[in-house]
């Protein structure tokens, strides 16, 4: 099998895995549809760091859109730090400094026992000129560090913060706090376990000196909720209820990418009780977040309600494990 044939098969596989759907009849610009879907797949861990994406022309051909639309989407994702575009090497998901901050990194090293990992680390230390005394001094400093006293969730979207707190706080006895990337840069996080997503990691990862105090979480892609909306009959009404306008905007674009104008999508902040009560009488499907669940459920009647989560259960388990073993 020639190298050209292998390359074509790999490109075909990448295109299949990306599962991007573009709806040309939607009022949502094609560029935005593409940005939301590629960005979400990166944040959800479907597209892994350093994974190669289709070329601009290959993706444009596959989707039947102009290459300038793909160029604009890729450039935007590169500007926010999610993609790397390099002449000659194509487009890849941005790399990460820490390989051990997610489950995928842990599984990658699962074939090595602890001794093997330690000796591999010691070899790197020795190659860089450090002595055993240097290493012992560093370990002594680590042993004296402050214990984890709080969970600090870093997210640039301020209107995500209440959602993140609602999902995490019930699982932990220590305080759970939120901050933006800029706020994180200004504070002392020595006693915190830092939780963030790939959307925001690249903006501040250089400031995190201890990777055991960093959990990089995958954001749930909302696949089951989108699939349910996709299966609704034409003319149905989907009601999105959330504390976050950003979440509702993203969900609207994803549904529009699949159904265009066939399904009507309306968004309501859960704090708008009057509008919420009115719209719920007409909705065929209601999708709400954790903060809105207590308001939506008593009013839903016979309408189907789906509660989406930004964090998967595996993320909560990983945070608990990190506190238990490294706190």
C-alpha atoms as a PDB file:
ATOM      1  CA  UNK A   1       0.000   0.000   0.000  1.00  0.00           C
ATOM      2  CA  UNK A   2       1.500   3.325  -1.069  1.00  0.00           C
ATOM      3  CA  UNK A   3       2.079   6.253   1.284  1.00  0.00           C
ATOM      4  CA  UNK A   4      -0.428   8.285  -0.742  1.00  0.00           C
ATOM      5  CA  UNK A   5      -3.126   5.633  -0.253  1.00  0.00           C
ATOM      6  CA  UNK A   6      -2.414   5.432   3.484  1.00  0.00           C
ATOM      7  CA  UNK A   7      -2.593   9.223   3.747  1.00  0.00           C
ATOM      8  CA  UNK A   8      -5.946   9.306   1.992  1.00  0.00           C
ATOM      9  CA  UNK A   9      -7.342   6.607   4.279  1.00  0.00           C
ATOM     10  CA  UNK A  10      -6.153   8.489   7.373  1.00  0.00           C
ATOM     11  CA  UNK A  11      -7.744  11.709   6.092  1.00  0.00           C
ATOM     12  CA  UNK A  12     -11.003   9.849   5.450  1.00  0.00           C
ATOM     13  CA  UNK A  13     -10.908   8.453   8.998  1.00  0.00           C
ATOM     14  CA  UNK A  14     -10.313  11.924  10.481  1.00  0.00           C
ATOM     15  CA  UNK A  15     -13.234  13.354   8.519  1.00  0.00           C
ATOM     16  CA  UNK A  16     -15.510  10.578   9.798  1.00  0.00           C
ATOM     17  CA  UNK A  17     -14.410  11.021  13.415  1.00  0.00           C
ATOM     18  CA  UNK A  18     -14.967  14.781  13.353  1.00  0.00           C
ATOM     19  CA  UNK A  19     -18.714  14.320  12.658  1.00  0.00           C
ATOM     20  CA  UNK A  20     -19.245  17.890  11.502  1.00  0.00           C
ATOM     21  CA  UNK A  21     -22.638  18.826  10.097  1.00  0.00           C
ATOM     22  CA  UNK A  22     -23.242  22.066   8.217  1.00  0.00           C
ATOM     23  CA  UNK A  23     -26.744  23.315   7.453  1.00  0.00           C
ATOM     24  CA  UNK A  24     -26.730  25.859   4.639  1.00  0.00           C
ATOM     25  CA  UNK A  25     -30.382  26.741   5.216  1.00  0.00           C
ATOM     26  CA  UNK A  26     -29.751  27.911   8.774  1.00  0.00           C
ATOM     27  CA  UNK A  27     -29.628  31.578   9.730  1.00  0.00           C
ATOM     28  CA  UNK A  28     -26.448  30.807  11.704  1.00  0.00           C
ATOM     29  CA  UNK A  29     -23.358  31.684   9.578  1.00  0.00           C
ATOM     30  CA  UNK A  30     -21.474  28.631   8.282  1.00  0.00           C
ATOM     31  CA  UNK A  31     -18.271  29.915   9.892  1.00  0.00           C
ATOM     32  CA  UNK A  32     -19.938  29.974  13.333  1.00  0.00           C
ATOM     33  CA  UNK A  33     -21.418  26.513  12.866  1.00  0.00           C
ATOM     34  CA  UNK A  34     -17.948  25.185  12.092  1.00  0.00           C
ATOM     35  CA  UNK A  35     -16.287  27.024  14.986  1.00  0.00           C
ATOM     36  CA  UNK A  36     -18.795  25.727  17.531  1.00  0.00           C
ATOM     37  CA  UNK A  37     -18.517  22.103  16.412  1.00  0.00           C
ATOM     38  CA  UNK A  38     -14.729  21.886  16.102  1.00  0.00           C
ATOM     39  CA  UNK A  39     -14.239  23.833  19.338  1.00  0.00           C
ATOM     40  CA  UNK A  40     -16.685  21.623  21.220  1.00  0.00           C
ATOM     41  CA  UNK A  41     -15.025  18.439  19.960  1.00  0.00           C
ATOM     42  CA  UNK A  42     -11.668  19.720  21.206  1.00  0.00           C
ATOM     43  CA  UNK A  43     -13.091  20.703  24.594  1.00  0.00           C
ATOM     44  CA  UNK A  44     -14.863  17.348  24.873  1.00  0.00           C
ATOM     45  CA  UNK A  45     -11.650  15.423  24.172  1.00  0.00           C
ATOM     46  CA  UNK A  46     -12.979  13.909  20.932  1.00  0.00           C
ATOM     47  CA  UNK A  47     -10.160  15.664  19.096  1.00  0.00           C
ATOM     48  CA  UNK A  48      -6.983  15.097  21.133  1.00  0.00           C
ATOM     49  CA  UNK A  49      -4.085  17.522  21.520  1.00  0.00           C
ATOM     50  CA  UNK A  50      -1.609  17.396  18.610  1.00  0.00           C
ATOM     51  CA  UNK A  51      -4.167  15.490  16.493  1.00  0.00           C
ATOM     52  CA  UNK A  52      -4.036  16.514  12.846  1.00  0.00           C
ATOM     53  CA  UNK A  53      -7.167  17.986  11.279  1.00  0.00           C
ATOM     54  CA  UNK A  54      -8.145  17.916   7.599  1.00  0.00           C
ATOM     55  CA  UNK A  55      -6.622  20.602   5.437  1.00  0.00           C
ATOM     56  CA  UNK A  56      -8.693  23.668   4.675  1.00  0.00           C
ATOM     57  CA  UNK A  57      -9.451  22.526   1.146  1.00  0.00           C
ATOM     58  CA  UNK A  58     -10.177  18.914   2.185  1.00  0.00           C
ATOM     59  CA  UNK A  59     -12.704  19.986   4.805  1.00  0.00           C
ATOM     60  CA  UNK A  60     -14.261  22.570   2.483  1.00  0.00           C
ATOM     61  CA  UNK A  61     -14.663  19.915  -0.233  1.00  0.00           C
ATOM     62  CA  UNK A  62     -16.169  17.413   2.186  1.00  0.00           C
ATOM     63  CA  UNK A  63     -18.701  19.955   3.527  1.00  0.00           C
ATOM     64  CA  UNK A  64     -19.406  21.545   0.148  1.00  0.00           C
ATOM     65  CA  UNK A  65     -18.534  25.060   1.301  1.00  0.00           C
ATOM     66  CA  UNK A  66     -16.031  27.704   0.187  1.00  0.00           C
ATOM     67  CA  UNK A  67     -12.485  27.229   1.472  1.00  0.00           C
ATOM     68  CA  UNK A  68     -12.454  30.806   2.800  1.00  0.00           C
ATOM     69  CA  UNK A  69     -15.189  29.825   5.287  1.00  0.00           C
ATOM     70  CA  UNK A  70     -13.031  27.010   6.664  1.00  0.00           C
ATOM     71  CA  UNK A  71     -10.011  29.341   6.691  1.00  0.00           C
ATOM     72  CA  UNK A  72     -11.924  31.887   8.790  1.00  0.00           C
ATOM     73  CA  UNK A  73     -13.081  29.209  11.249  1.00  0.00           C
ATOM     74  CA  UNK A  74      -9.620  27.648  11.595  1.00  0.00           C
ATOM     75  CA  UNK A  75      -8.003  31.080  12.045  1.00  0.00           C
ATOM     76  CA  UNK A  76     -10.470  31.982  14.808  1.00  0.00           C
ATOM     77  CA  UNK A  77      -9.800  28.708  16.645  1.00  0.00           C
ATOM     78  CA  UNK A  78      -6.051  29.333  16.292  1.00  0.00           C
ATOM     79  CA  UNK A  79      -6.416  32.849  17.709  1.00  0.00           C
ATOM     80  CA  UNK A  80      -8.108  31.522  20.860  1.00  0.00           C
ATOM     81  CA  UNK A  81      -5.385  28.880  21.271  1.00  0.00           C
ATOM     82  CA  UNK A  82      -7.262  25.713  20.297  1.00  0.00           C
ATOM     83  CA  UNK A  83      -5.508  25.029  16.982  1.00  0.00           C
ATOM     84  CA  UNK A  84      -1.982  25.350  15.621  1.00  0.00           C
ATOM     85  CA  UNK A  85      -1.630  26.264  11.936  1.00  0.00           C
ATOM     86  CA  UNK A  86       1.872  25.823  10.553  1.00  0.00           C
ATOM     87  CA  UNK A  87       3.098  26.065   6.991  1.00  0.00           C
ATOM     88  CA  UNK A  88       4.069  22.608   5.753  1.00  0.00           C
ATOM     89  CA  UNK A  89       2.678  20.651   8.724  1.00  0.00           C
ATOM     90  CA  UNK A  90      -1.001  21.528   8.391  1.00  0.00           C
ATOM     91  CA  UNK A  91      -3.576  22.121  11.110  1.00  0.00           C
ATOM     92  CA  UNK A  92      -3.389  20.399  14.484  1.00  0.00           C
ATOM     93  CA  UNK A  93      -5.089  20.636  17.843  1.00  0.00           C
ATOM     94  CA  UNK A  94      -2.877  22.737  20.130  1.00  0.00           C
ATOM     95  CA  UNK A  95      -0.455  20.836  22.335  1.00  0.00           C
ATOM     96  CA  UNK A  96      -0.299  20.813  26.116  1.00  0.00           C
ATOM     97  CA  UNK A  97       2.672  21.037  28.448  1.00  0.00           C
ATOM     98  CA  UNK A  98       1.277  18.536  30.946  1.00  0.00           C
ATOM     99  CA  UNK A  99       0.550  15.013  29.692  1.00  0.00           C
ATOM    100  CA  UNK A 100      -0.849  13.722  32.965  1.00  0.00           C
ATOM    101  CA  UNK A 101      -3.695  16.090  33.716  1.00  0.00           C
ATOM    102  CA  UNK A 102      -6.480  14.054  32.134  1.00  0.00           C
ATOM    103  CA  UNK A 103      -7.625  10.473  32.010  1.00  0.00           C
ATOM    104  CA  UNK A 104      -6.314  10.120  28.471  1.00  0.00           C
ATOM    105  CA  UNK A 105      -2.801  10.983  29.648  1.00  0.00           C
ATOM    106  CA  UNK A 106      -3.054   8.511  32.505  1.00  0.00           C
ATOM    107  CA  UNK A 107      -4.264   5.732  30.212  1.00  0.00           C
ATOM    108  CA  UNK A 108      -1.426   6.484  27.801  1.00  0.00           C
ATOM    109  CA  UNK A 109       1.127   5.631  30.508  1.00  0.00           C
ATOM    110  CA  UNK A 110      -0.823   2.732  32.002  1.00  0.00           C
ATOM    111  CA  UNK A 111       1.587   0.155  30.529  1.00  0.00           C
ATOM    112  CA  UNK A 112       4.453   1.556  32.607  1.00  0.00           C
ATOM    113  CA  UNK A 113       4.680   0.722  36.295  1.00  0.00           C
ATOM    114  CA  UNK A 114       5.634   3.355  38.854  1.00  0.00           C
ATOM    115  CA  UNK A 115       9.300   2.317  38.928  1.00  0.00           C
ATOM    116  CA  UNK A 116       9.524   2.674  35.162  1.00  0.00           C
ATOM    117  CA  UNK A 117       7.979   6.137  35.226  1.00  0.00           C
ATOM    118  CA  UNK A 118      10.286   7.275  38.042  1.00  0.00           C
ATOM    119  CA  UNK A 119      13.466   6.034  36.367  1.00  0.00           C
ATOM    120  CA  UNK A 120      12.413   7.637  33.100  1.00  0.00           C
ATOM    121  CA  UNK A 121      11.979  10.892  35.009  1.00  0.00           C
ATOM    122  CA  UNK A 122      15.347  10.476  36.776  1.00  0.00           C
ATOM    123  CA  UNK A 123      17.082   9.966  33.446  1.00  0.00           C
ATOM    124  CA  UNK A 124      15.712  13.296  32.209  1.00  0.00           C
ATOM    125  CA  UNK A 125      16.786  15.003  35.428  1.00  0.00           C
ATOM    126  CA  UNK A 126      20.319  13.596  35.129  1.00  0.00           C
ATOM    127  CA  UNK A 127      20.570  14.519  31.436  1.00  0.00           C
ATOM    128  CA  UNK A 128      19.844  18.134  32.352  1.00  0.00           C
ATOM    129  CA  UNK A 129      22.717  18.234  34.820  1.00  0.00           C
ATOM    130  CA  UNK A 130      20.868  18.059  38.153  1.00  0.00           C
ATOM    131  CA  UNK A 131      22.235  16.032  41.058  1.00  0.00           C
ATOM    132  CA  UNK A 132      20.577  13.676  43.539  1.00  0.00           C
ATOM    133  CA  UNK A 133      20.859  16.388  46.183  1.00  0.00           C
ATOM    134  CA  UNK A 134      19.040  18.828  43.913  1.00  0.00           C
ATOM    135  CA  UNK A 135      16.244  16.299  43.472  1.00  0.00           C
ATOM    136  CA  UNK A 136      15.956  15.574  47.187  1.00  0.00           C
ATOM    137  CA  UNK A 137      15.753  19.296  47.926  1.00  0.00           C
ATOM    138  CA  UNK A 138      12.924  19.704  45.438  1.00  0.00           C
ATOM    139  CA  UNK A 139      11.015  16.753  46.896  1.00  0.00           C
ATOM    140  CA  UNK A 140      11.414  18.168  50.395  1.00  0.00           C
ATOM    141  CA  UNK A 141       9.889  21.446  49.213  1.00  0.00           C
ATOM    142  CA  UNK A 142       7.002  19.575  47.636  1.00  0.00           C
ATOM    143  CA  UNK A 143       6.384  17.673  50.861  1.00  0.00           C
ATOM    144  CA  UNK A 144       6.092  20.988  52.741  1.00  0.00           C
ATOM    145  CA  UNK A 145       3.611  22.581  50.344  1.00  0.00           C
ATOM    146  CA  UNK A 146       0.207  23.688  51.579  1.00  0.00           C
ATOM    147  CA  UNK A 147      -2.562  21.095  51.351  1.00  0.00           C
ATOM    148  CA  UNK A 148      -5.462  21.506  48.941  1.00  0.00           C
ATOM    149  CA  UNK A 149      -8.025  23.636  50.763  1.00  0.00           C
ATOM    150  CA  UNK A 150     -10.276  24.675  47.869  1.00  0.00           C
ATOM    151  CA  UNK A 151     -11.201  23.895  44.284  1.00  0.00           C
ATOM    152  CA  UNK A 152     -10.660  26.790  41.892  1.00  0.00           C
ATOM    153  CA  UNK A 153     -12.479  26.552  38.559  1.00  0.00           C
ATOM    154  CA  UNK A 154     -10.991  28.798  35.876  1.00  0.00           C
ATOM    155  CA  UNK A 155     -13.317  29.781  33.040  1.00  0.00           C
ATOM    156  CA  UNK A 156     -13.266  32.939  30.940  1.00  0.00           C
ATOM    157  CA  UNK A 157     -17.066  32.889  30.521  1.00  0.00           C
ATOM    158  CA  UNK A 158     -18.399  34.567  33.654  1.00  0.00           C
ATOM    159  CA  UNK A 159     -21.925  33.386  32.941  1.00  0.00           C
ATOM    160  CA  UNK A 160     -20.674  29.768  33.083  1.00  0.00           C
ATOM    161  CA  UNK A 161     -19.625  30.197  36.707  1.00  0.00           C
ATOM    162  CA  UNK A 162     -22.986  29.556  38.367  1.00  0.00           C
ATOM    163  CA  UNK A 163     -23.426  26.387  36.263  1.00  0.00           C
ATOM    164  CA  UNK A 164     -20.009  25.063  37.199  1.00  0.00           C
ATOM    165  CA  UNK A 165     -20.594  25.750  40.887  1.00  0.00           C
ATOM    166  CA  UNK A 166     -24.020  24.060  40.792  1.00  0.00           C
ATOM    167  CA  UNK A 167     -22.508  20.924  39.273  1.00  0.00           C
ATOM    168  CA  UNK A 168     -19.431  20.643  41.518  1.00  0.00           C
ATOM    169  CA  UNK A 169     -20.415  21.966  44.955  1.00  0.00           C
ATOM    170  CA  UNK A 170     -22.702  19.042  45.960  1.00  0.00           C
ATOM    171  CA  UNK A 171     -19.788  16.608  45.565  1.00  0.00           C
ATOM    172  CA  UNK A 172     -17.185  18.278  47.801  1.00  0.00           C
ATOM    173  CA  UNK A 173     -16.845  19.382  51.405  1.00  0.00           C
ATOM    174  CA  UNK A 174     -14.136  21.957  50.647  1.00  0.00           C
ATOM    175  CA  UNK A 175     -15.047  25.310  49.042  1.00  0.00           C
ATOM    176  CA  UNK A 176     -15.515  25.465  45.271  1.00  0.00           C
ATOM    177  CA  UNK A 177     -14.741  28.855  43.744  1.00  0.00           C
ATOM    178  CA  UNK A 178     -14.661  30.284  40.226  1.00  0.00           C
ATOM    179  CA  UNK A 179     -12.599  32.950  38.502  1.00  0.00           C
ATOM    180  CA  UNK A 180     -11.723  34.183  35.030  1.00  0.00           C
ATOM    181  CA  UNK A 181      -8.324  33.641  33.426  1.00  0.00           C
ATOM    182  CA  UNK A 182      -7.278  37.230  34.158  1.00  0.00           C
ATOM    183  CA  UNK A 183      -8.401  36.930  37.793  1.00  0.00           C
ATOM    184  CA  UNK A 184      -6.396  33.727  38.146  1.00  0.00           C
ATOM    185  CA  UNK A 185      -3.245  35.490  36.994  1.00  0.00           C
ATOM    186  CA  UNK A 186      -3.626  37.989  39.845  1.00  0.00           C
ATOM    187  CA  UNK A 187      -4.156  35.603  42.770  1.00  0.00           C
ATOM    188  CA  UNK A 188      -2.252  33.105  44.897  1.00  0.00           C
ATOM    189  CA  UNK A 189      -3.466  29.592  44.115  1.00  0.00           C
ATOM    190  CA  UNK A 190      -0.967  27.676  46.270  1.00  0.00           C
ATOM    191  CA  UNK A 191      -3.718  25.979  48.291  1.00  0.00           C
ATOM    192  CA  UNK A 192      -6.032  25.265  45.363  1.00  0.00           C
ATOM    193  CA  UNK A 193      -6.724  22.418  42.993  1.00  0.00           C
ATOM    194  CA  UNK A 194      -7.215  24.163  39.654  1.00  0.00           C
ATOM    195  CA  UNK A 195      -9.900  22.868  37.322  1.00  0.00           C
ATOM    196  CA  UNK A 196     -10.262  24.161  33.777  1.00  0.00           C
ATOM    197  CA  UNK A 197     -11.125  23.052  30.242  1.00  0.00           C
ATOM    198  CA  UNK A 198      -9.045  22.951  27.085  1.00  0.00           C
ATOM    199  CA  UNK A 199     -10.849  26.111  25.984  1.00  0.00           C
ATOM    200  CA  UNK A 200      -8.912  28.094  28.590  1.00  0.00           C
ATOM    201  CA  UNK A 201      -5.858  25.993  29.534  1.00  0.00           C
ATOM    202  CA  UNK A 202      -3.504  27.504  26.971  1.00  0.00           C
ATOM    203  CA  UNK A 203      -4.043  31.018  28.278  1.00  0.00           C
ATOM    204  CA  UNK A 204      -2.486  30.338  31.696  1.00  0.00           C
ATOM    205  CA  UNK A 205      -0.885  26.875  31.855  1.00  0.00           C
ATOM    206  CA  UNK A 206       2.597  28.384  32.078  1.00  0.00           C
ATOM    207  CA  UNK A 207       1.618  29.827  35.487  1.00  0.00           C
ATOM    208  CA  UNK A 208       0.811  26.386  36.966  1.00  0.00           C
ATOM    209  CA  UNK A 209       4.109  24.995  38.248  1.00  0.00           C
ATOM    210  CA  UNK A 210       2.646  21.863  39.858  1.00  0.00           C
ATOM    211  CA  UNK A 211       0.681  19.686  37.382  1.00  0.00           C
ATOM    212  CA  UNK A 212      -0.671  17.532  40.232  1.00  0.00           C
ATOM    213  CA  UNK A 213      -2.698  20.597  41.242  1.00  0.00           C
ATOM    214  CA  UNK A 214      -4.249  20.927  37.771  1.00  0.00           C
ATOM    215  CA  UNK A 215      -7.201  18.971  36.360  1.00  0.00           C
ATOM    216  CA  UNK A 216      -8.017  19.551  32.710  1.00  0.00           C
ATOM    217  CA  UNK A 217     -11.602  18.468  32.201  1.00  0.00           C
ATOM    218  CA  UNK A 218     -13.431  17.518  29.048  1.00  0.00           C
ATOM    219  CA  UNK A 219     -16.633  19.462  28.493  1.00  0.00           C
ATOM    220  CA  UNK A 220     -19.639  17.282  27.725  1.00  0.00           C
ATOM    221  CA  UNK A 221     -20.545  17.710  24.027  1.00  0.00           C
ATOM    222  CA  UNK A 222     -24.297  17.421  24.628  1.00  0.00           C
ATOM    223  CA  UNK A 223     -24.588  14.606  22.126  1.00  0.00           C
ATOM    224  CA  UNK A 224     -27.726  12.969  23.528  1.00  0.00           C
ATOM    225  CA  UNK A 225     -29.542  16.305  23.822  1.00  0.00           C
ATOM    226  CA  UNK A 226     -28.647  17.300  20.252  1.00  0.00           C
ATOM    227  CA  UNK A 227     -29.640  13.847  18.960  1.00  0.00           C
ATOM    228  CA  UNK A 228     -33.053  14.157  20.639  1.00  0.00           C
ATOM    229  CA  UNK A 229     -33.593  17.585  19.080  1.00  0.00           C
ATOM    230  CA  UNK A 230     -32.510  16.226  15.693  1.00  0.00           C
ATOM    231  CA  UNK A 231     -35.174  13.511  15.811  1.00  0.00           C
ATOM    232  CA  UNK A 232     -38.083  15.902  16.450  1.00  0.00           C
ATOM    233  CA  UNK A 233     -40.662  16.351  13.690  1.00  0.00           C
ATOM    234  CA  UNK A 234     -40.423  19.467  11.524  1.00  0.00           C
ATOM    235  CA  UNK A 235     -42.182  22.414  13.120  1.00  0.00           C
ATOM    236  CA  UNK A 236     -41.323  21.364  16.676  1.00  0.00           C
ATOM    237  CA  UNK A 237     -40.245  23.884  19.299  1.00  0.00           C
ATOM    238  CA  UNK A 238     -37.118  23.380  21.390  1.00  0.00           C
ATOM    239  CA  UNK A 239     -36.847  25.531  24.505  1.00  0.00           C
ATOM    240  CA  UNK A 240     -33.373  26.137  25.955  1.00  0.00           C
ATOM    241  CA  UNK A 241     -33.372  27.261  29.590  1.00  0.00           C
ATOM    242  CA  UNK A 242     -30.182  28.255  31.362  1.00  0.00           C
ATOM    243  CA  UNK A 243     -28.478  30.751  33.633  1.00  0.00           C
ATOM    244  CA  UNK A 244     -25.935  31.250  30.837  1.00  0.00           C
ATOM    245  CA  UNK A 245     -26.640  33.113  27.620  1.00  0.00           C
ATOM    246  CA  UNK A 246     -23.375  31.691  26.247  1.00  0.00           C
ATOM    247  CA  UNK A 247     -24.555  28.114  26.738  1.00  0.00           C
ATOM    248  CA  UNK A 248     -27.885  28.836  25.076  1.00  0.00           C
ATOM    249  CA  UNK A 249     -26.189  30.538  22.145  1.00  0.00           C
ATOM    250  CA  UNK A 250     -23.844  27.590  21.613  1.00  0.00           C
ATOM    251  CA  UNK A 251     -26.679  25.065  21.849  1.00  0.00           C
ATOM    252  CA  UNK A 252     -28.773  27.060  19.383  1.00  0.00           C
ATOM    253  CA  UNK A 253     -25.956  26.971  16.832  1.00  0.00           C
ATOM    254  CA  UNK A 254     -25.452  23.216  17.255  1.00  0.00           C
ATOM    255  CA  UNK A 255     -29.144  22.467  16.763  1.00  0.00           C
ATOM    256  CA  UNK A 256     -29.281  24.830  13.778  1.00  0.00           C
ATOM    257  CA  UNK A 257     -26.300  23.026  12.236  1.00  0.00           C
ATOM    258  CA  UNK A 258     -28.364  19.829  12.213  1.00  0.00           C
ATOM    259  CA  UNK A 259     -31.908  21.034  11.517  1.00  0.00           C
ATOM    260  CA  UNK A 260     -31.665  24.524  10.100  1.00  0.00           C
ATOM    261  CA  UNK A 261     -35.049  26.242  10.269  1.00  0.00           C
ATOM    262  CA  UNK A 262     -37.016  22.958  10.418  1.00  0.00           C
ATOM    263  CA  UNK A 263     -37.063  23.133  14.218  1.00  0.00           C
ATOM    264  CA  UNK A 264     -37.703  26.370  16.082  1.00  0.00           C
ATOM    265  CA  UNK A 265     -35.321  27.110  18.954  1.00  0.00           C
ATOM    266  CA  UNK A 266     -36.129  29.604  21.689  1.00  0.00           C
ATOM    267  CA  UNK A 267     -33.940  30.584  24.636  1.00  0.00           C
ATOM    268  CA  UNK A 268     -35.077  31.822  28.045  1.00  0.00           C
ATOM    269  CA  UNK A 269     -33.030  32.731  31.110  1.00  0.00           C
ATOM    270  CA  UNK A 270     -34.346  30.693  34.023  1.00  0.00           C
ATOM    271  CA  UNK A 271     -34.701  33.907  36.049  1.00  0.00           C
ATOM    272  CA  UNK A 272     -37.359  35.204  33.610  1.00  0.00           C
ATOM    273  CA  UNK A 273     -40.308  33.471  35.258  1.00  0.00           C
ATOM    274  CA  UNK A 274     -43.075  35.041  33.178  1.00  0.00           C
ATOM    275  CA  UNK A 275     -41.524  34.248  29.793  1.00  0.00           C
ATOM    276  CA  UNK A 276     -40.488  30.796  30.985  1.00  0.00           C
ATOM    277  CA  UNK A 277     -44.013  29.885  32.092  1.00  0.00           C
ATOM    278  CA  UNK A 278     -45.442  31.023  28.761  1.00  0.00           C
ATOM    279  CA  UNK A 279     -42.899  29.278  26.512  1.00  0.00           C
ATOM    280  CA  UNK A 280     -43.034  25.974  28.396  1.00  0.00           C
ATOM    281  CA  UNK A 281     -46.722  25.621  27.459  1.00  0.00           C
ATOM    282  CA  UNK A 282     -45.741  25.413  23.790  1.00  0.00           C
ATOM    283  CA  UNK A 283     -42.409  23.540  23.884  1.00  0.00           C
ATOM    284  CA  UNK A 284     -42.046  20.003  22.510  1.00  0.00           C
ATOM    285  CA  UNK A 285     -38.621  19.567  24.111  1.00  0.00           C
ATOM    286  CA  UNK A 286     -37.052  21.475  27.000  1.00  0.00           C
ATOM    287  CA  UNK A 287     -33.293  21.403  27.548  1.00  0.00           C
ATOM    288  CA  UNK A 288     -32.113  23.013  30.781  1.00  0.00           C
ATOM    289  CA  UNK A 289     -28.967  23.198  32.889  1.00  0.00           C
ATOM    290  CA  UNK A 290     -28.447  22.125  36.490  1.00  0.00           C
ATOM    291  CA  UNK A 291     -29.164  25.585  37.908  1.00  0.00           C
ATOM    292  CA  UNK A 292     -32.514  25.704  36.107  1.00  0.00           C
ATOM    293  CA  UNK A 293     -33.674  22.167  36.900  1.00  0.00           C
ATOM    294  CA  UNK A 294     -35.497  23.091  40.106  1.00  0.00           C
ATOM    295  CA  UNK A 295     -37.482  25.802  38.325  1.00  0.00           C
ATOM    296  CA  UNK A 296     -38.198  23.886  35.115  1.00  0.00           C
ATOM    297  CA  UNK A 297     -39.353  20.524  36.450  1.00  0.00           C
ATOM    298  CA  UNK A 298     -42.466  21.743  38.353  1.00  0.00           C
ATOM    299  CA  UNK A 299     -43.610  23.716  35.272  1.00  0.00           C
ATOM    300  CA  UNK A 300     -42.792  21.198  32.546  1.00  0.00           C
ATOM    301  CA  UNK A 301     -46.069  19.307  32.518  1.00  0.00           C
ATOM    302  CA  UNK A 302     -46.022  16.641  29.792  1.00  0.00           C
ATOM    303  CA  UNK A 303     -43.144  18.188  27.856  1.00  0.00           C
ATOM    304  CA  UNK A 304     -39.938  16.136  27.676  1.00  0.00           C
ATOM    305  CA  UNK A 305     -37.140  17.651  29.775  1.00  0.00           C
ATOM    306  CA  UNK A 306     -33.429  16.928  29.385  1.00  0.00           C
ATOM    307  CA  UNK A 307     -30.943  18.251  31.959  1.00  0.00           C
ATOM    308  CA  UNK A 308     -27.491  18.723  30.487  1.00  0.00           C
ATOM    309  CA  UNK A 309     -24.222  18.833  32.422  1.00  0.00           C
ATOM    310  CA  UNK A 310     -20.976  20.536  31.505  1.00  0.00           C
ATOM    311  CA  UNK A 311     -18.981  18.024  33.550  1.00  0.00           C
ATOM    312  CA  UNK A 312     -19.074  14.276  33.021  1.00  0.00           C
ATOM    313  CA  UNK A 313     -19.160  12.029  36.151  1.00  0.00           C
ATOM    314  CA  UNK A 314     -15.611  10.969  35.276  1.00  0.00           C
ATOM    315  CA  UNK A 315     -14.444  14.565  35.806  1.00  0.00           C
ATOM    316  CA  UNK A 316     -15.910  14.646  39.321  1.00  0.00           C
ATOM    317  CA  UNK A 317     -14.237  11.296  40.044  1.00  0.00           C
ATOM    318  CA  UNK A 318     -10.902  12.590  38.761  1.00  0.00           C
ATOM    319  CA  UNK A 319     -11.082  15.677  40.995  1.00  0.00           C
ATOM    320  CA  UNK A 320     -11.878  13.481  44.021  1.00  0.00           C
ATOM    321  CA  UNK A 321      -9.003  11.153  43.183  1.00  0.00           C
ATOM    322  CA  UNK A 322      -6.550  14.019  42.766  1.00  0.00           C
ATOM    323  CA  UNK A 323      -7.508  15.496  46.151  1.00  0.00           C
ATOM    324  CA  UNK A 324      -7.287  12.095  47.858  1.00  0.00           C
ATOM    325  CA  UNK A 325      -3.935  11.061  46.412  1.00  0.00           C
ATOM    326  CA  UNK A 326      -2.168  14.401  45.981  1.00  0.00           C
ATOM    327  CA  UNK A 327      -3.930  16.799  48.352  1.00  0.00           C
END
